[in-house]
C-alpha atoms as a PDB file:
ATOM      1  CA  MET A   1     -62.617-162.100  -6.351  1.00  0.00           C
ATOM      2  CA  LYS A   2     -65.741-164.317  -6.574  1.00  0.00           C
ATOM      3  CA  ILE A   3     -69.049-162.842  -5.362  1.00  0.00           C
ATOM      4  CA  ASP A   4     -71.109-165.728  -3.841  1.00  0.00           C
ATOM      5  CA  PHE A   5     -74.515-165.039  -2.524  1.00  0.00           C
ATOM      6  CA  SER A   6     -75.295-168.737  -1.892  1.00  0.00           C
ATOM      7  CA  GLY A   7     -77.467-169.191   1.161  1.00  0.00           C
ATOM      8  CA  ARG A   8     -78.448-165.483   1.142  1.00  0.00           C
ATOM      9  CA  VAL A   9     -82.019-164.232   0.320  1.00  0.00           C
ATOM     10  CA  ALA A  10     -82.430-160.942  -1.487  1.00  0.00           C
ATOM     11  CA  VAL A  11     -85.330-158.635  -1.817  1.00  0.00           C
ATOM     12  CA  VAL A  12     -85.550-156.310  -4.932  1.00  0.00           C
ATOM     13  CA  THR A  13     -88.218-153.651  -5.304  1.00  0.00           C
ATOM     14  CA  GLY A  14     -89.331-152.415  -8.688  1.00  0.00           C
ATOM     15  CA  ALA A  15     -88.224-155.751 -10.200  1.00  0.00           C
ATOM     16  CA  SER A  16     -90.714-156.088 -12.921  1.00  0.00           C
ATOM     17  CA  SER A  17     -88.513-154.537 -15.636  1.00  0.00           C
ATOM     18  CA  GLY A  18     -85.342-152.365 -16.260  1.00  0.00           C
ATOM     19  CA  ILE A  19     -82.899-152.053 -13.621  1.00  0.00           C
ATOM     20  CA  GLY A  20     -84.634-154.117 -10.881  1.00  0.00           C
ATOM     21  CA  ALA A  21     -85.164-157.012 -13.230  1.00  0.00           C
ATOM     22  CA  ALA A  22     -81.509-156.744 -14.183  1.00  0.00           C
ATOM     23  CA  TYR A  23     -80.458-156.642 -10.347  1.00  0.00           C
ATOM     24  CA  ALA A  24     -82.812-159.711  -9.655  1.00  0.00           C
ATOM     25  CA  LYS A  25     -81.151-161.741 -12.176  1.00  0.00           C
ATOM     26  CA  ALA A  26     -77.747-160.920 -11.494  1.00  0.00           C
ATOM     27  CA  LEU A  27     -78.066-161.753  -7.777  1.00  0.00           C
ATOM     28  CA  ALA A  28     -79.685-164.918  -8.724  1.00  0.00           C
ATOM     29  CA  GLU A  29     -77.010-165.882 -11.103  1.00  0.00           C
ATOM     30  CA  GLN A  30     -74.526-165.360  -8.131  1.00  0.00           C
ATOM     31  CA  GLY A  31     -76.627-167.896  -6.098  1.00  0.00           C
ATOM     32  CA  ALA A  32     -78.725-165.705  -4.079  1.00  0.00           C
ATOM     33  CA  ASP A  33     -82.546-166.639  -3.393  1.00  0.00           C
ATOM     34  CA  VAL A  34     -84.502-163.884  -4.588  1.00  0.00           C
ATOM     35  CA  ALA A  35     -87.820-162.049  -3.779  1.00  0.00           C
ATOM     36  CA  ILE A  36     -88.980-159.703  -6.544  1.00  0.00           C
ATOM     37  CA  LEU A  37     -91.623-157.003  -5.668  1.00  0.00           C
ATOM     38  CA  ALA A  38     -93.742-154.896  -7.954  1.00  0.00           C
ATOM     39  CA  ARG A  39     -97.281-154.226  -8.761  1.00  0.00           C
ATOM     40  CA  ARG A  40     -97.223-155.749 -12.187  1.00  0.00           C
ATOM     41  CA  VAL A  41     -97.497-159.374 -11.236  1.00  0.00           C
ATOM     42  CA  GLN A  42     -97.533-160.929 -14.891  1.00  0.00           C
ATOM     43  CA  LYS A  43     -94.268-159.247 -15.480  1.00  0.00           C
ATOM     44  CA  LEU A  44     -93.029-160.319 -12.243  1.00  0.00           C
ATOM     45  CA  GLU A  45     -93.411-164.075 -13.169  1.00  0.00           C
ATOM     46  CA  LYS A  46     -91.587-163.824 -16.394  1.00  0.00           C
ATOM     47  CA  VAL A  47     -88.670-162.193 -14.444  1.00  0.00           C
ATOM     48  CA  ALA A  48     -89.053-164.947 -11.619  1.00  0.00           C
ATOM     49  CA  GLU A  49     -88.733-167.631 -14.497  1.00  0.00           C
ATOM     50  CA  GLU A  50     -85.398-166.176 -15.549  1.00  0.00           C
ATOM     51  CA  CYS A  51     -84.022-166.072 -11.971  1.00  0.00           C
ATOM     52  CA  ARG A  52     -85.027-169.802 -11.487  1.00  0.00           C
ATOM     53  CA  ALA A  53     -83.130-170.787 -14.409  1.00  0.00           C
ATOM     54  CA  PHE A  54     -80.050-170.236 -12.261  1.00  0.00           C
ATOM     55  CA  GLY A  55     -81.048-172.923  -9.891  1.00  0.00           C
ATOM     56  CA  VAL A  56     -82.314-170.612  -7.053  1.00  0.00           C
ATOM     57  CA  LYS A  57     -85.512-169.961  -5.413  1.00  0.00           C
ATOM     58  CA  CYS A  58     -87.386-166.740  -6.731  1.00  0.00           C
ATOM     59  CA  LEU A  59     -90.585-165.593  -5.086  1.00  0.00           C
ATOM     60  CA  PRO A  60     -92.733-162.841  -7.036  1.00  0.00           C
ATOM     61  CA  VAL A  61     -94.648-160.615  -4.682  1.00  0.00           C
ATOM     62  CA  ALA A  62     -97.373-158.043  -5.405  1.00  0.00           C
ATOM     63  CA  CYS A  63     -96.357-155.047  -3.797  1.00  0.00           C
ATOM     64  CA  ASP A  64     -97.263-151.334  -3.935  1.00  0.00           C
ATOM     65  CA  VAL A  65     -94.366-149.469  -2.549  1.00  0.00           C
ATOM     66  CA  THR A  66     -96.377-146.477  -1.927  1.00  0.00           C
ATOM     67  CA  ASP A  67     -98.744-148.188   0.525  1.00  0.00           C
ATOM     68  CA  GLU A  68     -97.390-149.050   4.033  1.00  0.00           C
ATOM     69  CA  ALA A  69     -99.820-151.825   4.413  1.00  0.00           C
ATOM     70  CA  SER A  70     -98.797-153.498   1.271  1.00  0.00           C
ATOM     71  CA  ILE A  71     -94.979-153.354   2.099  1.00  0.00           C
ATOM     72  CA  LYS A  72     -95.645-154.964   5.487  1.00  0.00           C
ATOM     73  CA  ALA A  73     -97.572-157.853   3.960  1.00  0.00           C
ATOM     74  CA  ALA A  74     -94.878-158.350   1.223  1.00  0.00           C
ATOM     75  CA  VAL A  75     -92.030-158.510   3.877  1.00  0.00           C
ATOM     76  CA  LYS A  76     -94.125-160.821   5.797  1.00  0.00           C
ATOM     77  CA  GLU A  77     -94.390-163.122   2.973  1.00  0.00           C
ATOM     78  CA  VAL A  78     -90.816-162.989   2.069  1.00  0.00           C
ATOM     79  CA  GLY A  79     -90.047-163.792   5.771  1.00  0.00           C
ATOM     80  CA  ASP A  80     -92.410-166.454   5.970  1.00  0.00           C
ATOM     81  CA  THR A  81     -91.253-168.228   2.983  1.00  0.00           C
ATOM     82  CA  PHE A  82     -87.423-167.953   3.400  1.00  0.00           C
ATOM     83  CA  GLY A  83     -87.068-167.467   7.158  1.00  0.00           C
ATOM     84  CA  ARG A  84     -84.339-164.682   6.611  1.00  0.00           C
ATOM     85  CA  ILE A  85     -83.614-161.402   4.508  1.00  0.00           C
ATOM     86  CA  ASP A  86     -79.880-160.499   4.017  1.00  0.00           C
ATOM     87  CA  VAL A  87     -80.075-158.072   1.135  1.00  0.00           C
ATOM     88  CA  LEU A  88     -82.417-155.265   0.446  1.00  0.00           C
ATOM     89  CA  ILE A  89     -82.402-153.361  -2.813  1.00  0.00           C
ATOM     90  CA  ASN A  90     -84.698-150.357  -2.818  1.00  0.00           C
ATOM     91  CA  ASN A  91     -84.986-149.819  -6.557  1.00  0.00           C
ATOM     92  CA  ALA A  92     -88.720-148.796  -7.090  1.00  0.00           C
ATOM     93  CA  GLY A  93     -88.849-145.465  -8.794  1.00  0.00           C
ATOM     94  CA  VAL A  94     -91.095-143.234 -11.134  1.00  0.00           C
ATOM     95  CA  CYS A  95     -90.819-139.713 -12.513  1.00  0.00           C
ATOM     96  CA  GLU A  96     -93.245-137.188 -13.403  1.00  0.00           C
ATOM     97  CA  PHE A  97     -92.633-134.396 -15.909  1.00  0.00           C
ATOM     98  CA  SER A  98     -94.107-131.106 -15.824  1.00  0.00           C
ATOM     99  CA  LEU A  99     -93.368-127.415 -15.260  1.00  0.00           C
ATOM    100  CA  LEU A 100     -93.838-126.450 -11.691  1.00  0.00           C
ATOM    101  CA  GLU A 101     -97.331-124.433 -12.478  1.00  0.00           C
ATOM    102  CA  ASP A 102     -98.631-127.793 -13.874  1.00  0.00           C
ATOM    103  CA  HIS A 103     -97.055-130.210 -11.221  1.00  0.00           C
ATOM    104  CA  THR A 104     -99.913-131.325  -9.278  1.00  0.00           C
ATOM    105  CA  THR A 105     -99.812-132.391  -5.628  1.00  0.00           C
ATOM    106  CA  GLU A 106    -100.929-135.799  -6.604  1.00  0.00           C
ATOM    107  CA  GLN A 107     -97.793-135.996  -8.883  1.00  0.00           C
ATOM    108  CA  TRP A 108     -95.398-134.756  -6.135  1.00  0.00           C
ATOM    109  CA  ASN A 109     -96.856-137.266  -3.491  1.00  0.00           C
ATOM    110  CA  LYS A 110     -96.634-140.278  -5.791  1.00  0.00           C
ATOM    111  CA  VAL A 111     -93.047-139.631  -6.749  1.00  0.00           C
ATOM    112  CA  ILE A 112     -91.982-138.970  -3.223  1.00  0.00           C
ATOM    113  CA  ALA A 113     -93.825-141.865  -1.996  1.00  0.00           C
ATOM    114  CA  THR A 114     -92.480-144.378  -4.532  1.00  0.00           C
ATOM    115  CA  ASP A 115     -88.846-143.042  -4.871  1.00  0.00           C
ATOM    116  CA  LEU A 116     -88.305-141.837  -1.402  1.00  0.00           C
ATOM    117  CA  SER A 117     -90.711-143.012   1.495  1.00  0.00           C
ATOM    118  CA  SER A 118     -90.609-146.536   0.088  1.00  0.00           C
ATOM    119  CA  ALA A 119     -86.788-147.048   0.926  1.00  0.00           C
ATOM    120  CA  PHE A 120     -87.755-145.876   4.486  1.00  0.00           C
ATOM    121  CA  LEU A 121     -90.529-148.206   4.727  1.00  0.00           C
ATOM    122  CA  MET A 122     -88.874-151.138   3.071  1.00  0.00           C
ATOM    123  CA  THR A 123     -85.828-150.763   5.300  1.00  0.00           C
ATOM    124  CA  ARG A 124     -87.950-150.488   8.461  1.00  0.00           C
ATOM    125  CA  GLU A 125     -90.002-153.473   7.958  1.00  0.00           C
ATOM    126  CA  VAL A 126     -86.668-155.613   6.836  1.00  0.00           C
ATOM    127  CA  GLU A 127     -84.625-154.391   9.929  1.00  0.00           C
ATOM    128  CA  PRO A 128     -85.793-156.817  12.288  1.00  0.00           C
ATOM    129  CA  TYR A 129     -84.190-159.743  10.021  1.00  0.00           C
ATOM    130  CA  PHE A 130     -81.035-157.861  10.026  1.00  0.00           C
ATOM    131  CA  LYS A 131     -80.649-157.491  13.654  1.00  0.00           C
ATOM    132  CA  LYS A 132     -81.572-160.789  14.402  1.00  0.00           C
ATOM    133  CA  GLN A 133     -78.837-161.974  12.108  1.00  0.00           C
ATOM    134  CA  ASN A 134     -76.411-159.218  13.079  1.00  0.00           C
ATOM    135  CA  TYR A 135     -75.891-159.003   9.231  1.00  0.00           C
ATOM    136  CA  GLY A 136     -77.542-157.050   6.187  1.00  0.00           C
ATOM    137  CA  ARG A 137     -76.865-155.350   3.045  1.00  0.00           C
ATOM    138  CA  VAL A 138     -78.969-152.250   1.876  1.00  0.00           C
ATOM    139  CA  VAL A 139     -78.684-150.817  -1.740  1.00  0.00           C
ATOM    140  CA  ASN A 140     -80.701-147.791  -2.684  1.00  0.00           C
ATOM    141  CA  THR A 141     -81.316-146.435  -6.071  1.00  0.00           C
ATOM    142  CA  ALA A 142     -80.499-142.622  -6.331  1.00  0.00           C
ATOM    143  CA  SER A 143     -79.618-140.665  -9.421  1.00  0.00           C
ATOM    144  CA  VAL A 144     -77.370-138.275 -10.914  1.00  0.00           C
ATOM    145  CA  GLY A 145     -80.454-136.030 -10.424  1.00  0.00           C
ATOM    146  CA  ALA A 146     -79.522-136.267  -6.490  1.00  0.00           C
ATOM    147  CA  LEU A 147     -76.564-134.050  -7.510  1.00  0.00           C
ATOM    148  CA  GLU A 148     -77.737-132.169 -10.354  1.00  0.00           C
ATOM    149  CA  ALA A 149     -81.303-130.756 -11.218  1.00  0.00           C
ATOM    150  CA  GLY A 150     -83.131-129.214 -14.049  1.00  0.00           C
ATOM    151  CA  ALA A 151     -86.592-128.186 -14.991  1.00  0.00           C
ATOM    152  CA  MET A 152     -89.655-130.142 -15.157  1.00  0.00           C
ATOM    153  CA  GLN A 153     -88.763-132.884 -12.768  1.00  0.00           C
ATOM    154  CA  ILE A 154     -89.004-131.214  -9.274  1.00  0.00           C
ATOM    155  CA  SER A 155     -90.474-134.031  -7.549  1.00  0.00           C
ATOM    156  CA  TYR A 156     -87.914-136.812  -8.812  1.00  0.00           C
ATOM    157  CA  PHE A 157     -84.871-134.508  -8.075  1.00  0.00           C
ATOM    158  CA  ALA A 158     -86.275-134.107  -4.394  1.00  0.00           C
ATOM    159  CA  ALA A 159     -86.739-137.557  -3.872  1.00  0.00           C
ATOM    160  CA  LYS A 160     -83.315-138.600  -5.363  1.00  0.00           C
ATOM    161  CA  GLY A 161     -81.591-136.047  -3.347  1.00  0.00           C
ATOM    162  CA  GLY A 162     -83.325-137.406  -0.108  1.00  0.00           C
ATOM    163  CA  ILE A 163     -82.229-140.940  -1.017  1.00  0.00           C
ATOM    164  CA  LEU A 164     -78.453-139.590  -0.360  1.00  0.00           C
ATOM    165  CA  GLN A 165     -79.581-138.541   3.284  1.00  0.00           C
ATOM    166  CA  VAL A 166     -81.549-141.691   3.930  1.00  0.00           C
ATOM    167  CA  THR A 167     -78.729-143.792   2.878  1.00  0.00           C
ATOM    168  CA  ARG A 168     -76.226-141.740   5.214  1.00  0.00           C
ATOM    169  CA  ALA A 169     -78.610-141.880   8.106  1.00  0.00           C
ATOM    170  CA  LEU A 170     -79.472-145.387   7.963  1.00  0.00           C
ATOM    171  CA  ALA A 171     -75.610-146.316   7.533  1.00  0.00           C
ATOM    172  CA  ALA A 172     -75.306-144.574  10.859  1.00  0.00           C
ATOM    173  CA  GLU A 173     -78.088-146.142  12.687  1.00  0.00           C
ATOM    174  CA  LEU A 174     -77.601-149.955  11.417  1.00  0.00           C
ATOM    175  CA  ALA A 175     -73.738-150.019  11.565  1.00  0.00           C
ATOM    176  CA  PRO A 176     -73.860-151.713  15.064  1.00  0.00           C
ATOM    177  CA  TYR A 177     -75.798-154.504  13.684  1.00  0.00           C
ATOM    178  CA  GLY A 178     -73.425-155.399  10.891  1.00  0.00           C
ATOM    179  CA  VAL A 179     -75.631-153.726   8.211  1.00  0.00           C
ATOM    180  CA  LEU A 180     -73.895-151.687   5.527  1.00  0.00           C
ATOM    181  CA  VAL A 181     -76.177-149.078   3.646  1.00  0.00           C
ATOM    182  CA  ASN A 182     -75.035-147.558   0.490  1.00  0.00           C
ATOM    183  CA  ALA A 183     -76.482-146.020  -2.831  1.00  0.00           C
ATOM    184  CA  ILE A 184     -75.657-146.368  -6.451  1.00  0.00           C
ATOM    185  CA  ALA A 185     -76.621-143.063  -8.735  1.00  0.00           C
ATOM    186  CA  PRO A 186     -77.168-144.114 -12.103  1.00  0.00           C
ATOM    187  CA  GLY A 187     -76.865-141.688 -15.268  1.00  0.00           C
ATOM    188  CA  VAL A 188     -79.097-142.231 -18.015  1.00  0.00           C
ATOM    189  CA  PHE A 189     -80.003-145.842 -18.772  1.00  0.00           C
ATOM    190  CA  ALA A 190     -82.063-147.342 -21.331  1.00  0.00           C
ATOM    191  CA  THR A 191     -85.270-148.508 -19.382  1.00  0.00           C
ATOM    192  CA  GLU A 192     -88.999-148.534 -19.690  1.00  0.00           C
ATOM    193  CA  MET A 193     -89.181-145.259 -17.736  1.00  0.00           C
ATOM    194  CA  THR A 194     -86.852-143.476 -20.294  1.00  0.00           C
ATOM    195  CA  ASP A 195     -88.455-145.256 -23.302  1.00  0.00           C
ATOM    196  CA  GLY A 196     -89.128-142.639 -25.871  1.00  0.00           C
ATOM    197  CA  MET A 197     -87.048-140.031 -24.233  1.00  0.00           C
ATOM    198  CA  LEU A 198     -83.467-140.972 -25.233  1.00  0.00           C
ATOM    199  CA  GLU A 199     -83.534-138.999 -28.235  1.00  0.00           C
ATOM    200  CA  ALA A 200     -84.957-136.054 -26.926  1.00  0.00           C
ATOM    201  CA  GLU A 201     -82.916-132.723 -27.204  1.00  0.00           C
ATOM    202  CA  GLY A 202     -82.278-132.706 -23.444  1.00  0.00           C
ATOM    203  CA  SER A 203     -81.136-136.429 -23.348  1.00  0.00           C
ATOM    204  CA  LEU A 204     -78.720-136.009 -26.225  1.00  0.00           C
ATOM    205  CA  VAL A 205     -77.227-132.946 -24.263  1.00  0.00           C
ATOM    206  CA  LEU A 206     -76.487-135.235 -21.549  1.00  0.00           C
ATOM    207  CA  LYS A 207     -75.230-137.837 -23.682  1.00  0.00           C
ATOM    208  CA  ASN A 208     -72.645-135.557 -25.191  1.00  0.00           C
ATOM    209  CA  ARG A 209     -71.698-134.467 -21.626  1.00  0.00           C
ATOM    210  CA  THR A 210     -70.846-137.959 -20.882  1.00  0.00           C
ATOM    211  CA  CYS A 211     -67.340-139.055 -21.029  1.00  0.00           C
ATOM    212  CA  LEU A 212     -68.186-142.126 -22.906  1.00  0.00           C
ATOM    213  CA  LYS A 213     -70.753-140.582 -25.216  1.00  0.00           C
ATOM    214  CA  ARG A 214     -73.212-143.099 -24.897  1.00  0.00           C
ATOM    215  CA  PHE A 215     -76.379-144.205 -22.555  1.00  0.00           C
ATOM    216  CA  ALA A 216     -76.182-147.469 -20.826  1.00  0.00           C
ATOM    217  CA  GLU A 217     -77.917-150.806 -20.501  1.00  0.00           C
ATOM    218  CA  PRO A 218     -79.374-151.894 -16.781  1.00  0.00           C
ATOM    219  CA  LYS A 219     -76.960-154.692 -16.739  1.00  0.00           C
ATOM    220  CA  GLU A 220     -73.980-152.163 -16.654  1.00  0.00           C
ATOM    221  CA  LEU A 221     -75.198-151.418 -12.985  1.00  0.00           C
ATOM    222  CA  CYS A 222     -74.968-154.778 -11.802  1.00  0.00           C
ATOM    223  CA  PRO A 223     -71.320-155.206 -10.942  1.00  0.00           C
ATOM    224  CA  GLN A 224     -71.471-152.227  -8.452  1.00  0.00           C
ATOM    225  CA  MET A 225     -74.749-153.495  -6.837  1.00  0.00           C
ATOM    226  CA  LEU A 226     -73.335-156.971  -6.300  1.00  0.00           C
ATOM    227  CA  LEU A 227     -70.236-155.736  -4.586  1.00  0.00           C
ATOM    228  CA  LEU A 228     -72.108-153.418  -2.314  1.00  0.00           C
ATOM    229  CA  ALA A 229     -74.583-156.145  -1.530  1.00  0.00           C
ATOM    230  CA  SER A 230     -71.998-158.765  -0.783  1.00  0.00           C
ATOM    231  CA  GLU A 231     -70.265-160.434   2.039  1.00  0.00           C
ATOM    232  CA  GLU A 232     -67.171-158.968   0.155  1.00  0.00           C
ATOM    233  CA  ASN A 233     -68.262-155.417   1.159  1.00  0.00           C
ATOM    234  CA  THR A 234     -66.999-155.082   4.823  1.00  0.00           C
ATOM    235  CA  TYR A 235     -66.163-151.245   4.969  1.00  0.00           C
ATOM    236  CA  CYS A 236     -68.155-149.195   2.557  1.00  0.00           C
ATOM    237  CA  THR A 237     -71.080-147.792   4.033  1.00  0.00           C
ATOM    238  CA  GLY A 238     -73.061-144.361   3.999  1.00  0.00           C
ATOM    239  CA  GLN A 239     -71.752-143.969   0.508  1.00  0.00           C
ATOM    240  CA  THR A 240     -73.153-143.088  -3.125  1.00  0.00           C
ATOM    241  CA  ILE A 241     -71.531-144.632  -6.119  1.00  0.00           C
ATOM    242  CA  TYR A 242     -72.256-142.775  -9.305  1.00  0.00           C
ATOM    243  CA  VAL A 243     -72.378-145.035 -12.191  1.00  0.00           C
ATOM    244  CA  ASP A 244     -72.817-142.527 -15.021  1.00  0.00           C
ATOM    245  CA  GLY A 245     -70.441-142.671 -17.457  1.00  0.00           C
ATOM    246  CA  GLY A 246     -68.437-139.902 -16.187  1.00  0.00           C
ATOM    247  CA  LEU A 247     -71.408-137.474 -16.541  1.00  0.00           C
ATOM    248  CA  THR A 248     -71.150-135.836 -13.008  1.00  0.00           C
ATOM    249  CA  SER A 249     -67.375-135.616 -13.476  1.00  0.00           C
ATOM    250  CA  GLN A 250     -67.617-132.722 -16.014  1.00  0.00           C
ATOM    251  CA  LEU A 251     -67.784-129.292 -15.740  1.00  0.00           C
END
């Protein structure tokens, strides 16, 4: 099976590094024109150059996904540039670590806005393009933390659990318009967000619980994303795929 995105336009949030950057480059390699959104424009420019090396168009757009006005402006810029949006990858995410007694309202609001509310806002703004085309694919980024939880990350676990329900609700609502909505739940991946944490005691426990006994690189999420985001996916919607090396399959 060849996954061909020629003629398609994909939007990726949180695309300045890590999983988002890997997603953007994978889509570009398969022929998609890509709009990459993040706050760090300088980093976006580097990712854009790598995407363009595959002979496609890439539009870097400064966007703060915690700000509704910024999202509206970013989606408008993408639409004005390409005239269509076929794929939306809601990938932007942050995590705040602290005990409940120290977890501030500001921390809670930041994580919920970035990891959960942004998926709602981005999809709402892109929806008119999907309806006009009677076609669309949405892939949200969940986490194994949507299924299992632990101490010191209450806002992150709450947000990722919410993503599962947002995915299901959007799948039901957008199905009549030819739009399929799914989520990918990564295990522990080596990214900027996990930098410095992978050798911590808690992380090593997770590694030992993983069937494959190792952490993963962002590019290892791309095959699942590409399939869910493609025309080849015709019947999978409202689902979450756990790409975690077998972590959540163990007792």
